[in-house]
Structure formats: structure tokens, C-alpha cells
């Protein structure tokens, strides 16, 4: 998995290297034991830069990406690498509200909050 992340950072983003927090390093070992290290990796980072630093705008080069932790999305079949201070959107509840919404043939909407 580290090889995949390093390739993304150096070949795609233009970075120099990857740094892993202690938690991320522990997770990498656990994922290897679980057999999850073959899964694809999704990088979660700032939208403002190819780095994980939102103040380093655009497409800088030579930076270090800091992976703070990983979030396995096993149902979807990939691992998310959380970098820097990125926040992710919450997932859907077990029963999304959209499942209770409907519109009739005459245009009446039901199931809204």
C-alpha cells in the first residue's frame, strides 16, 4: 500500500515523499495482516492543492504529503488515506431519508422533512 501511495504522491501530484503518523503506520501493519493491502487507495486531501497543505495552492512540487490515518471502505473495496487536516463528509445512515420521499403523478411530493 505504501508503494501505491508513494506513486500517487510522486508521479501524479509532484510531491517528493510521504510521511506517515504513528497511527497510520500501525494501520498499515494491521491492513497487511488482514490482507487488505492489495486494495486500491483513495487519497483524501485539500481541494486547493495537489499537496495536503491548503495554503500551498495549485500544483506545487517537492512537498511532503502527511498521511495521518486510513479509513477502510471494505464494502466499496478501497482504503481512504486521510492527509493533513482534511475533513470528510459523513456517510448515509442505514435508512436514508430519500428512501421515504416520493412524488405522485399529479406532482404532489411526500416524505420531505
N, C-alpha and C. Protein backbone atom coordinates (compact mmCIF):
# COMPACT_ATOMS: atom_id res chain seq x y z
N UNK A 1 0.82 -1.18 0.00
CA UNK A 1 0.00 0.00 0.00
C UNK A 1 0.87 1.26 0.00
N UNK A 2 1.98 1.20 0.72
CA UNK A 2 2.88 2.36 0.76
C UNK A 2 3.43 2.67 -0.63
N UNK A 3 3.71 1.64 -1.41
CA UNK A 3 4.21 1.84 -2.77
C UNK A 3 3.18 2.56 -3.62
N UNK A 4 1.92 2.19 -3.47
CA UNK A 4 0.84 2.84 -4.22
C UNK A 4 0.75 4.31 -3.85
N UNK A 5 0.78 4.59 -2.56
CA UNK A 5 0.65 5.98 -2.10
C UNK A 5 1.84 6.81 -2.56
N UNK A 6 3.04 6.25 -2.46
CA UNK A 6 4.22 6.98 -2.91
C UNK A 6 4.16 7.26 -4.41
N UNK A 7 3.63 6.32 -5.18
CA UNK A 7 3.49 6.54 -6.62
C UNK A 7 2.50 7.66 -6.91
N UNK A 8 1.39 7.68 -6.19
CA UNK A 8 0.39 8.75 -6.37
C UNK A 8 1.02 10.10 -6.06
N UNK A 9 1.71 10.17 -4.93
CA UNK A 9 2.29 11.44 -4.48
C UNK A 9 3.40 11.92 -5.41
N UNK A 10 4.31 11.03 -5.78
CA UNK A 10 5.47 11.47 -6.57
C UNK A 10 5.20 11.55 -8.07
N UNK A 11 4.44 10.61 -8.60
CA UNK A 11 4.22 10.59 -10.06
C UNK A 11 3.02 11.40 -10.51
N UNK A 12 2.00 11.49 -9.66
CA UNK A 12 0.78 12.22 -10.06
C UNK A 12 0.74 13.62 -9.48
N UNK A 13 1.02 13.75 -8.18
CA UNK A 13 0.90 15.04 -7.52
C UNK A 13 2.15 15.91 -7.62
N UNK A 14 3.31 15.33 -7.92
CA UNK A 14 4.54 16.11 -8.00
C UNK A 14 5.24 16.30 -6.66
N UNK A 15 4.84 15.51 -5.67
CA UNK A 15 5.46 15.60 -4.36
C UNK A 15 6.79 14.88 -4.30
N UNK A 16 7.50 15.09 -3.20
CA UNK A 16 8.81 14.46 -3.02
C UNK A 16 8.73 13.18 -2.22
N UNK A 17 7.88 13.18 -1.17
CA UNK A 17 7.82 11.99 -0.32
C UNK A 17 6.53 11.97 0.49
N UNK A 18 6.36 10.87 1.22
CA UNK A 18 5.17 10.66 2.05
C UNK A 18 5.64 10.44 3.49
N UNK A 19 4.94 11.07 4.41
CA UNK A 19 5.20 10.89 5.84
C UNK A 19 3.95 10.26 6.45
N UNK A 20 4.16 9.30 7.36
CA UNK A 20 3.04 8.60 7.99
C UNK A 20 3.06 8.85 9.49
N UNK A 21 1.89 9.15 10.05
CA UNK A 21 1.79 9.29 11.51
C UNK A 21 1.98 7.91 12.14
N UNK A 22 2.17 7.90 13.45
CA UNK A 22 2.31 6.62 14.16
C UNK A 22 1.05 5.77 13.98
N UNK A 23 -0.11 6.42 14.03
CA UNK A 23 -1.37 5.69 13.84
C UNK A 23 -1.44 5.07 12.45
N UNK A 24 -1.07 5.84 11.43
CA UNK A 24 -1.11 5.34 10.06
C UNK A 24 -0.15 4.15 9.88
N UNK A 25 1.01 4.22 10.51
CA UNK A 25 1.97 3.11 10.42
C UNK A 25 1.41 1.84 11.05
N UNK A 26 0.75 2.01 12.20
CA UNK A 26 0.12 0.85 12.85
C UNK A 26 -0.98 0.27 11.96
N UNK A 27 -1.76 1.15 11.36
CA UNK A 27 -2.84 0.69 10.49
C UNK A 27 -2.30 -0.06 9.28
N UNK A 28 -1.20 0.40 8.71
CA UNK A 28 -0.60 -0.29 7.57
C UNK A 28 -0.24 -1.73 7.94
N UNK A 29 0.31 -1.92 9.12
CA UNK A 29 0.67 -3.26 9.57
C UNK A 29 -0.58 -4.12 9.75
N UNK A 30 -1.61 -3.54 10.34
CA UNK A 30 -2.87 -4.26 10.54
C UNK A 30 -3.50 -4.64 9.21
N UNK A 31 -3.51 -3.70 8.28
CA UNK A 31 -4.11 -3.96 6.97
C UNK A 31 -3.37 -5.09 6.24
N UNK A 32 -2.06 -5.11 6.36
CA UNK A 32 -1.28 -6.18 5.73
C UNK A 32 -1.64 -7.53 6.34
N UNK A 33 -1.80 -7.57 7.66
CA UNK A 33 -2.18 -8.82 8.33
C UNK A 33 -3.57 -9.28 7.92
N UNK A 34 -4.47 -8.32 7.69
CA UNK A 34 -5.84 -8.63 7.30
C UNK A 34 -5.95 -8.96 5.80
N UNK A 35 -4.89 -8.70 5.05
CA UNK A 35 -4.93 -8.94 3.61
C UNK A 35 -5.57 -7.81 2.83
N UNK A 36 -5.66 -6.65 3.44
CA UNK A 36 -6.29 -5.50 2.78
C UNK A 36 -5.29 -4.65 2.01
N UNK A 37 -4.02 -4.94 2.10
CA UNK A 37 -3.00 -4.10 1.48
C UNK A 37 -3.02 -4.15 -0.04
N UNK A 38 -3.79 -5.05 -0.62
CA UNK A 38 -3.92 -5.12 -2.08
C UNK A 38 -5.01 -4.18 -2.61
N UNK A 39 -5.82 -3.62 -1.71
CA UNK A 39 -6.95 -2.79 -2.14
C UNK A 39 -6.48 -1.46 -2.74
N UNK A 40 -7.27 -0.89 -3.64
CA UNK A 40 -6.95 0.44 -4.17
C UNK A 40 -6.98 1.49 -3.07
N UNK A 41 -6.27 2.58 -3.29
CA UNK A 41 -6.17 3.66 -2.32
C UNK A 41 -6.81 4.92 -2.89
N UNK A 42 -7.62 5.57 -2.07
CA UNK A 42 -8.21 6.87 -2.40
C UNK A 42 -7.57 7.90 -1.48
N UNK A 43 -7.00 8.94 -2.06
CA UNK A 43 -6.34 9.97 -1.27
C UNK A 43 -7.34 11.08 -0.94
N UNK A 44 -7.54 11.35 0.34
CA UNK A 44 -8.41 12.45 0.78
C UNK A 44 -7.50 13.60 1.21
N UNK A 45 -7.55 14.69 0.45
CA UNK A 45 -6.67 15.83 0.71
C UNK A 45 -7.41 17.12 0.40
N UNK A 46 -6.78 18.23 0.63
CA UNK A 46 -7.40 19.52 0.34
C UNK A 46 -7.71 19.66 -1.15
N UNK A 47 -8.78 20.37 -1.45
CA UNK A 47 -9.13 20.61 -2.85
C UNK A 47 -8.34 21.78 -3.44
N UNK A 48 -7.61 22.50 -2.62
CA UNK A 48 -6.91 23.70 -3.07
C UNK A 48 -5.52 23.44 -3.63
N UNK A 49 -5.01 22.24 -3.43
CA UNK A 49 -3.63 21.97 -3.79
C UNK A 49 -3.44 20.49 -4.08
N UNK A 50 -2.42 20.17 -4.86
CA UNK A 50 -2.05 18.77 -5.02
C UNK A 50 -1.32 18.25 -3.79
N UNK A 51 -0.94 19.16 -2.90
CA UNK A 51 -0.34 18.77 -1.62
C UNK A 51 -1.46 18.58 -0.60
N UNK A 52 -1.10 18.38 0.66
CA UNK A 52 -2.11 18.32 1.71
C UNK A 52 -2.19 19.65 2.47
N UNK A 53 -1.52 20.67 1.95
CA UNK A 53 -1.48 21.98 2.59
C UNK A 53 -2.36 22.95 1.79
N UNK A 54 -3.50 23.39 2.33
CA UNK A 54 -4.39 24.26 1.58
C UNK A 54 -3.79 25.63 1.25
N UNK A 55 -2.71 26.01 1.92
CA UNK A 55 -2.06 27.29 1.63
C UNK A 55 -1.02 27.17 0.52
N UNK A 56 -0.69 25.96 0.15
CA UNK A 56 0.27 25.71 -0.93
C UNK A 56 -0.56 25.48 -2.20
N UNK A 57 -1.06 26.56 -2.75
CA UNK A 57 -2.07 26.50 -3.82
C UNK A 57 -1.57 25.89 -5.12
N UNK A 58 -2.52 25.30 -5.84
CA UNK A 58 -2.25 24.82 -7.18
C UNK A 58 -1.47 23.52 -7.25
N UNK A 59 -0.44 23.54 -8.09
CA UNK A 59 0.35 22.34 -8.36
C UNK A 59 1.81 22.56 -7.95
N UNK A 60 2.06 22.65 -6.65
CA UNK A 60 3.44 22.82 -6.20
C UNK A 60 4.25 21.54 -6.44
N UNK A 61 5.54 21.61 -6.23
CA UNK A 61 6.39 20.42 -6.37
C UNK A 61 7.29 20.30 -5.15
N UNK A 62 7.79 19.09 -4.94
CA UNK A 62 8.78 18.86 -3.89
C UNK A 62 8.25 18.83 -2.47
N UNK A 63 6.97 18.75 -2.27
CA UNK A 63 6.38 18.77 -0.93
C UNK A 63 6.28 17.36 -0.35
N UNK A 64 5.97 17.29 0.93
CA UNK A 64 5.72 16.02 1.62
C UNK A 64 4.24 15.92 1.94
N UNK A 65 3.63 14.81 1.59
CA UNK A 65 2.23 14.54 1.97
C UNK A 65 2.26 13.82 3.30
N UNK A 66 1.44 14.27 4.23
CA UNK A 66 1.36 13.68 5.56
C UNK A 66 0.09 12.86 5.70
N UNK A 67 0.24 11.54 5.76
CA UNK A 67 -0.90 10.65 5.95
C UNK A 67 -1.10 10.48 7.44
N UNK A 68 -2.24 10.94 7.94
CA UNK A 68 -2.48 10.86 9.39
C UNK A 68 -3.18 9.58 9.81
N UNK A 69 -4.05 9.06 8.92
CA UNK A 69 -4.73 7.80 9.22
C UNK A 69 -5.40 7.27 7.97
N UNK A 70 -5.86 6.03 8.07
CA UNK A 70 -6.56 5.37 6.98
C UNK A 70 -7.97 5.01 7.42
N UNK A 71 -8.88 5.02 6.46
CA UNK A 71 -10.25 4.60 6.72
C UNK A 71 -10.59 3.52 5.70
N UNK A 72 -10.73 2.27 6.16
CA UNK A 72 -11.09 1.21 5.22
C UNK A 72 -12.56 1.32 4.81
N UNK A 73 -12.81 1.23 3.55
CA UNK A 73 -14.17 1.19 3.00
C UNK A 73 -14.32 -0.17 2.33
N UNK A 74 -14.40 -1.19 3.15
CA UNK A 74 -14.32 -2.56 2.66
C UNK A 74 -15.50 -2.95 1.79
N UNK A 75 -16.67 -2.42 2.08
CA UNK A 75 -17.83 -2.72 1.23
C UNK A 75 -17.63 -2.21 -0.18
N UNK A 76 -16.98 -1.06 -0.29
CA UNK A 76 -16.70 -0.47 -1.60
C UNK A 76 -15.40 -1.01 -2.18
N UNK A 77 -14.57 -1.61 -1.34
CA UNK A 77 -13.35 -2.25 -1.82
C UNK A 77 -12.15 -1.33 -1.98
N UNK A 78 -12.02 -0.33 -1.10
CA UNK A 78 -10.83 0.52 -1.16
C UNK A 78 -10.50 1.07 0.23
N UNK A 79 -9.33 1.68 0.34
CA UNK A 79 -8.85 2.29 1.57
C UNK A 79 -8.68 3.79 1.32
N UNK A 80 -9.18 4.62 2.23
CA UNK A 80 -9.02 6.07 2.12
C UNK A 80 -7.85 6.50 2.99
N UNK A 81 -6.91 7.22 2.39
CA UNK A 81 -5.79 7.79 3.14
C UNK A 81 -6.15 9.24 3.46
N UNK A 82 -6.32 9.55 4.74
CA UNK A 82 -6.63 10.91 5.17
C UNK A 82 -5.32 11.67 5.35
N UNK A 83 -5.20 12.80 4.67
CA UNK A 83 -3.96 13.58 4.71
C UNK A 83 -4.21 14.94 5.34
N UNK A 84 -3.18 15.50 5.94
CA UNK A 84 -3.29 16.83 6.52
C UNK A 84 -4.47 16.95 7.46
N UNK A 85 -5.17 18.08 7.36
CA UNK A 85 -6.33 18.34 8.22
C UNK A 85 -7.65 18.16 7.48
N UNK A 86 -7.65 17.36 6.44
CA UNK A 86 -8.85 17.18 5.63
C UNK A 86 -10.00 16.60 6.47
N UNK A 87 -11.20 17.09 6.17
CA UNK A 87 -12.41 16.57 6.78
C UNK A 87 -13.19 15.84 5.70
N UNK A 88 -13.83 14.77 6.07
CA UNK A 88 -14.64 14.04 5.09
C UNK A 88 -16.11 14.22 5.43
N UNK A 89 -16.93 14.06 4.42
CA UNK A 89 -18.38 14.18 4.61
C UNK A 89 -18.88 12.92 5.32
N UNK A 90 -19.90 13.08 6.15
CA UNK A 90 -20.44 11.89 6.81
C UNK A 90 -21.15 10.99 5.79
N UNK A 91 -21.17 9.73 6.08
CA UNK A 91 -21.86 8.79 5.21
C UNK A 91 -23.36 8.82 5.45
N UNK A 92 -24.06 8.07 4.67
CA UNK A 92 -25.51 8.00 4.83
C UNK A 92 -25.87 7.10 6.01
N UNK A 93 -27.01 7.37 6.65
CA UNK A 93 -27.47 6.48 7.71
C UNK A 93 -27.94 5.15 7.10
N UNK A 94 -28.27 4.21 7.94
CA UNK A 94 -28.73 2.91 7.45
C UNK A 94 -29.99 3.04 6.61
N UNK A 95 -30.81 4.01 6.94
CA UNK A 95 -32.05 4.23 6.18
C UNK A 95 -32.09 5.70 5.74
N UNK A 96 -31.53 6.04 4.57
CA UNK A 96 -31.51 7.43 4.11
C UNK A 96 -32.92 7.99 3.94
N UNK A 97 -33.09 9.27 4.25
CA UNK A 97 -34.39 9.94 4.15
C UNK A 97 -34.95 9.87 2.73
N UNK A 98 -34.08 9.84 1.74
CA UNK A 98 -34.54 9.81 0.35
C UNK A 98 -35.39 8.58 0.05
N UNK A 99 -35.20 7.52 0.79
CA UNK A 99 -35.99 6.31 0.56
C UNK A 99 -37.46 6.50 0.92
N UNK A 100 -37.75 7.50 1.75
CA UNK A 100 -39.14 7.76 2.16
C UNK A 100 -39.78 8.88 1.35
N UNK A 101 -39.07 9.43 0.39
CA UNK A 101 -39.61 10.51 -0.43
C UNK A 101 -40.25 9.94 -1.69
N UNK A 102 -41.29 10.65 -2.14
CA UNK A 102 -41.99 10.19 -3.34
C UNK A 102 -42.68 11.38 -3.99
N UNK A 103 -43.03 11.22 -5.23
CA UNK A 103 -43.80 12.22 -5.96
C UNK A 103 -44.89 11.48 -6.74
N UNK A 104 -46.09 11.98 -6.61
CA UNK A 104 -47.22 11.34 -7.29
C UNK A 104 -47.30 11.80 -8.73
N UNK A 105 -48.16 11.15 -9.50
CA UNK A 105 -48.33 11.51 -10.91
C UNK A 105 -48.81 12.95 -11.08
N UNK A 106 -49.55 13.45 -10.09
CA UNK A 106 -50.04 14.83 -10.19
C UNK A 106 -49.09 15.85 -9.56
N UNK A 107 -47.86 15.41 -9.20
CA UNK A 107 -46.82 16.32 -8.73
C UNK A 107 -46.79 16.57 -7.24
N UNK A 108 -47.57 15.84 -6.46
CA UNK A 108 -47.56 16.03 -5.01
C UNK A 108 -46.36 15.28 -4.42
N UNK A 109 -45.59 16.01 -3.62
CA UNK A 109 -44.39 15.44 -3.01
C UNK A 109 -44.70 15.02 -1.59
N UNK A 110 -44.23 13.85 -1.21
CA UNK A 110 -44.40 13.38 0.17
C UNK A 110 -43.06 12.90 0.70
N UNK A 111 -42.96 12.85 2.02
CA UNK A 111 -41.77 12.32 2.66
C UNK A 111 -40.67 13.33 2.92
N UNK A 112 -40.93 14.61 2.64
CA UNK A 112 -39.92 15.62 2.95
C UNK A 112 -39.98 15.95 4.42
N UNK A 113 -38.96 16.54 4.92
CA UNK A 113 -38.87 16.85 6.35
C UNK A 113 -39.93 17.83 6.78
